Amino acid sequence: VQLVESGGGLVQPGGSLRLSCVASGFTFSSYGMRWYRQAPGKERELVAHISSTGVSTNYADSVKGRFTISRDNAKNLVYLQMKSLKPEDTAVYFCNAVNLRVGSYWGQGTQVTVSS
């Protein structure tokens, strides 16, 4: 089982980034997918969730209207499109696959830094 995130980097406030997470080793279409983030000295925070079919999405209040989660079950990919980025969005972003009957898997994380 593997989840590999990519797309992080340094961006100026107001900018955009798109994170990707490619999955392998499990039945991707049977898992809800989530993006979490963890800033230095803070607890890991759930940012966005998408259902296994992609029909349902949920967001943390802090990112509503700025972030969009999506998935491509044919390619085993989940995305997080981030717009209007703020310095407080700076964190390591983690991809998480969850199936309540089986368990969950985590990626290694990708760093997002929002700074001028």
Protein backbone atom coordinates (compact mmCIF):
# COMPACT_ATOMS: atom_id res chain seq x y z
CA VAL A 1 0.00 0.00 0.00
CA GLN A 2 1.32 3.39 -0.94
CA LEU A 3 0.09 6.98 -1.01
CA VAL A 4 2.44 9.50 -2.57
CA GLU A 5 1.72 13.22 -2.40
CA SER A 6 3.19 15.82 -4.71
CA GLY A 7 2.67 19.42 -5.74
CA GLY A 8 3.74 21.23 -2.60
CA GLY A 9 6.11 24.15 -2.60
CA LEU A 10 6.60 27.82 -1.85
CA VAL A 11 3.88 30.21 -3.00
CA GLN A 12 3.11 33.86 -2.32
CA PRO A 13 -0.02 34.88 -0.41
CA GLY A 14 -2.99 34.92 -2.76
CA GLY A 15 -1.43 32.28 -4.97
CA SER A 16 -2.57 28.80 -5.91
CA LEU A 17 -1.26 25.27 -5.73
CA ARG A 18 -2.64 21.89 -6.67
CA LEU A 19 -1.67 18.90 -4.58
CA SER A 20 -1.90 15.38 -5.98
CA CYS A 21 -1.89 12.01 -4.26
CA VAL A 22 -1.50 8.78 -6.18
CA ALA A 23 -2.57 5.54 -4.54
CA SER A 24 -1.48 1.97 -5.10
CA GLY A 25 -1.82 -1.41 -3.43
CA PHE A 26 -5.49 -1.20 -2.46
CA THR A 27 -8.91 -0.75 -4.05
CA PHE A 28 -8.88 3.02 -4.32
CA SER A 29 -12.52 3.34 -5.34
CA SER A 30 -13.62 1.70 -2.07
CA TYR A 31 -12.02 4.34 0.11
CA GLY A 32 -12.99 7.81 1.13
CA MET A 33 -10.08 10.16 0.71
CA ARG A 34 -9.00 13.00 2.94
CA TRP A 35 -6.42 15.74 3.06
CA TYR A 36 -5.03 16.68 6.45
CA ARG A 37 -2.46 19.28 7.35
CA GLN A 38 -0.13 19.84 10.25
CA ALA A 39 1.59 23.11 11.02
CA PRO A 40 4.62 23.27 13.34
CA GLY A 41 3.57 22.95 16.95
CA LYS A 42 -0.05 22.24 16.06
CA GLU A 43 -2.22 19.14 15.87
CA ARG A 44 -3.03 17.50 12.56
CA GLU A 45 -6.17 19.07 11.09
CA LEU A 46 -8.69 17.57 8.68
CA VAL A 47 -8.90 19.89 5.67
CA ALA A 48 -11.17 18.12 3.19
CA HIS A 49 -12.92 14.81 2.59
CA ILE A 50 -14.34 13.22 -0.53
CA SER A 51 -16.49 10.09 -0.61
CA SER A 52 -15.44 6.96 -2.46
CA THR A 53 -17.60 7.85 -5.44
CA GLY A 54 -16.70 11.53 -5.40
CA VAL A 55 -20.30 12.58 -4.94
CA SER A 56 -19.90 13.99 -1.44
CA THR A 57 -17.29 16.48 -0.21
CA ASN A 58 -16.72 18.28 3.08
CA TYR A 59 -14.32 21.04 4.09
CA ALA A 60 -12.94 22.64 7.19
CA ASP A 61 -14.43 26.09 7.74
CA SER A 62 -10.98 27.62 7.39
CA VAL A 63 -10.69 26.51 3.74
CA LYS A 64 -14.28 26.60 2.48
CA GLY A 65 -14.57 28.51 -0.76
CA ARG A 66 -10.79 28.41 -1.34
CA PHE A 67 -9.94 24.69 -1.53
CA THR A 68 -11.49 22.01 -3.73
CA ILE A 69 -11.00 18.27 -3.32
CA SER A 70 -11.55 15.96 -6.27
CA ARG A 71 -10.65 12.45 -7.35
CA ASP A 72 -10.13 10.32 -10.43
CA ASN A 73 -10.91 6.70 -9.62
CA ALA A 74 -9.69 5.54 -13.03
CA LYS A 75 -6.21 6.89 -12.24
CA ASN A 76 -6.17 6.31 -8.46
CA LEU A 77 -5.63 10.00 -7.88
CA VAL A 78 -6.98 12.55 -5.44
CA TYR A 79 -6.36 16.26 -5.75
CA LEU A 80 -6.52 19.33 -3.56
CA GLN A 81 -6.82 22.57 -5.49
CA MET A 82 -5.86 25.46 -3.24
CA LYS A 83 -6.57 29.08 -4.14
CA SER A 84 -6.22 32.41 -2.35
CA LEU A 85 -3.58 30.89 -0.14
CA LYS A 86 -2.78 32.53 3.18
CA PRO A 87 0.30 32.32 5.40
CA GLU A 88 -1.78 30.33 7.88
CA ASP A 89 -2.20 27.60 5.26
CA THR A 90 1.49 26.81 5.68
CA ALA A 91 1.78 23.19 6.80
CA VAL A 92 2.69 19.70 5.78
CA TYR A 93 -0.26 18.28 3.85
CA PHE A 94 -1.05 14.58 4.14
CA CYS A 95 -3.18 12.33 1.99
CA ASN A 96 -5.31 9.78 3.86
CA ALA A 97 -7.37 6.86 2.58
CA VAL A 98 -10.13 5.64 4.89
CA ASN A 99 -12.44 2.67 4.90
CA LEU A 100 -14.28 2.17 8.19
CA ARG A 101 -14.34 -1.62 7.77
CA VAL A 102 -10.68 -1.99 6.82
CA GLY A 103 -8.70 0.90 8.24
CA SER A 104 -6.76 3.82 6.87
CA TYR A 105 -3.51 4.59 5.10
CA TRP A 106 -1.32 7.68 5.12
CA GLY A 107 1.07 9.32 2.74
CA GLN A 108 4.38 10.83 3.77
CA GLY A 109 3.25 14.43 3.33
CA THR A 110 4.19 17.38 1.16
CA GLN A 111 5.26 20.79 2.45
CA VAL A 112 3.24 23.87 1.52
CA THR A 113 4.73 27.23 2.46
CA VAL A 114 2.84 30.46 1.88
CA SER A 115 5.14 33.42 2.25
CA SER A 116 6.21 36.58 0.50
